[in-house]
Amino acid sequence: MRTVSAAVAVLALFLSITFPLVLGGVIFALLLFFPLFLLALAGLVNTVEDRSVRQHNPTMDPRGWREHP
């Protein structure tokens, strides 16, 4: 599904850049292709897995550094 979203995003971005060169294409570019690009980009970002480092939550002991050698 990620490949389809990427292909749709690239195609919609290409069409939204090239369609203003066609007479009357600005309407299609602004109302159809650019929102399609944004939706495909949101779908692409949604499929990316979380690669952040999981943090552990240590118990907060403000005097732990003095009491534990």
C-alpha atoms as a PDB file:
ATOM      1  CA  MET A   1       0.000   0.000   0.000  1.00  0.00           C
ATOM      2  CA  ARG A   2       2.949   2.277   0.671  1.00  0.00           C
ATOM      3  CA  THR A   3       4.091   1.902  -2.943  1.00  0.00           C
ATOM      4  CA  VAL A   4       0.662   2.870  -4.261  1.00  0.00           C
ATOM      5  CA  SER A   5       0.530   5.926  -1.981  1.00  0.00           C
ATOM      6  CA  ALA A   6       4.009   6.961  -3.102  1.00  0.00           C
ATOM      7  CA  ALA A   7       3.116   6.558  -6.766  1.00  0.00           C
ATOM      8  CA  VAL A   8      -0.109   8.537  -6.357  1.00  0.00           C
ATOM      9  CA  ALA A   9       1.761  11.275  -4.471  1.00  0.00           C
ATOM     10  CA  VAL A  10       4.434  11.593  -7.155  1.00  0.00           C
ATOM     11  CA  LEU A  11       1.892  11.533  -9.987  1.00  0.00           C
ATOM     12  CA  ALA A  12      -0.393  14.073  -8.312  1.00  0.00           C
ATOM     13  CA  LEU A  13       2.532  16.397  -7.580  1.00  0.00           C
ATOM     14  CA  PHE A  14       3.702  16.113 -11.185  1.00  0.00           C
ATOM     15  CA  LEU A  15       0.200  16.845 -12.475  1.00  0.00           C
ATOM     16  CA  SER A  16      -0.286  19.791 -10.117  1.00  0.00           C
ATOM     17  CA  ILE A  17       2.979  21.298 -11.382  1.00  0.00           C
ATOM     18  CA  THR A  18       2.368  20.704 -15.083  1.00  0.00           C
ATOM     19  CA  PHE A  19      -1.377  21.378 -15.362  1.00  0.00           C
ATOM     20  CA  PRO A  20      -1.152  25.178 -14.817  1.00  0.00           C
ATOM     21  CA  LEU A  21       0.623  25.297 -18.191  1.00  0.00           C
ATOM     22  CA  VAL A  22      -2.599  24.096 -19.849  1.00  0.00           C
ATOM     23  CA  LEU A  23      -5.312  26.712 -20.403  1.00  0.00           C
ATOM     24  CA  GLY A  24      -7.811  26.297 -17.572  1.00  0.00           C
ATOM     25  CA  GLY A  25      -5.622  23.717 -15.878  1.00  0.00           C
ATOM     26  CA  VAL A  26      -5.077  25.862 -12.808  1.00  0.00           C
ATOM     27  CA  ILE A  27      -8.536  24.932 -11.578  1.00  0.00           C
ATOM     28  CA  PHE A  28      -7.754  21.230 -11.901  1.00  0.00           C
ATOM     29  CA  ALA A  29      -4.360  21.704 -10.289  1.00  0.00           C
ATOM     30  CA  LEU A  30      -5.686  23.604  -7.267  1.00  0.00           C
ATOM     31  CA  LEU A  31      -8.934  21.749  -6.708  1.00  0.00           C
ATOM     32  CA  LEU A  32      -8.089  18.204  -7.717  1.00  0.00           C
ATOM     33  CA  PHE A  33      -4.427  17.333  -8.057  1.00  0.00           C
ATOM     34  CA  PHE A  34      -2.844  19.232  -5.156  1.00  0.00           C
ATOM     35  CA  PRO A  35      -5.407  17.980  -2.580  1.00  0.00           C
ATOM     36  CA  LEU A  36      -4.899  14.489  -4.017  1.00  0.00           C
ATOM     37  CA  PHE A  37      -1.167  14.931  -3.487  1.00  0.00           C
ATOM     38  CA  LEU A  38      -1.725  16.006   0.124  1.00  0.00           C
ATOM     39  CA  LEU A  39      -4.007  13.042   0.812  1.00  0.00           C
ATOM     40  CA  ALA A  40      -1.528  10.594  -0.730  1.00  0.00           C
ATOM     41  CA  LEU A  41       1.308  12.165   1.246  1.00  0.00           C
ATOM     42  CA  ALA A  42      -0.688  11.840   4.466  1.00  0.00           C
ATOM     43  CA  GLY A  43      -1.376   8.192   3.643  1.00  0.00           C
ATOM     44  CA  LEU A  44       2.300   7.626   2.946  1.00  0.00           C
ATOM     45  CA  VAL A  45       3.389   9.215   6.216  1.00  0.00           C
ATOM     46  CA  ASN A  46       0.750   7.189   8.052  1.00  0.00           C
ATOM     47  CA  THR A  47       2.237   3.885   6.863  1.00  0.00           C
ATOM     48  CA  VAL A  48       5.759   4.680   8.092  1.00  0.00           C
ATOM     49  CA  GLU A  49       6.489   2.721  11.228  1.00  0.00           C
ATOM     50  CA  ASP A  50       7.713   4.361  14.416  1.00  0.00           C
ATOM     51  CA  ARG A  51      11.494   4.010  14.517  1.00  0.00           C
ATOM     52  CA  SER A  52      12.121   6.075  17.621  1.00  0.00           C
ATOM     53  CA  VAL A  53      14.071   4.654  20.531  1.00  0.00           C
ATOM     54  CA  ARG A  54      11.842   3.497  23.338  1.00  0.00           C
ATOM     55  CA  GLN A  55      12.645   5.193  26.604  1.00  0.00           C
ATOM     56  CA  HIS A  56      12.352   3.473  29.929  1.00  0.00           C
ATOM     57  CA  ASN A  57      10.838   5.364  32.819  1.00  0.00           C
ATOM     58  CA  PRO A  58      13.147   4.995  35.815  1.00  0.00           C
ATOM     59  CA  THR A  59      11.763   5.760  39.234  1.00  0.00           C
ATOM     60  CA  MET A  60      12.678   9.269  40.208  1.00  0.00           C
ATOM     61  CA  ASP A  61      14.872   9.201  43.296  1.00  0.00           C
ATOM     62  CA  PRO A  62      16.570  12.560  43.839  1.00  0.00           C
ATOM     63  CA  ARG A  63      18.933  11.168  46.504  1.00  0.00           C
ATOM     64  CA  GLY A  64      19.700   7.899  44.722  1.00  0.00           C
ATOM     65  CA  TRP A  65      23.140   9.018  43.588  1.00  0.00           C
ATOM     66  CA  ARG A  66      24.160   9.570  47.242  1.00  0.00           C
ATOM     67  CA  GLU A  67      22.671   6.438  48.739  1.00  0.00           C
ATOM     68  CA  HIS A  68      23.798   3.876  46.113  1.00  0.00           C
ATOM     69  CA  PRO A  69      27.543   3.532  45.728  1.00  0.00           C
END
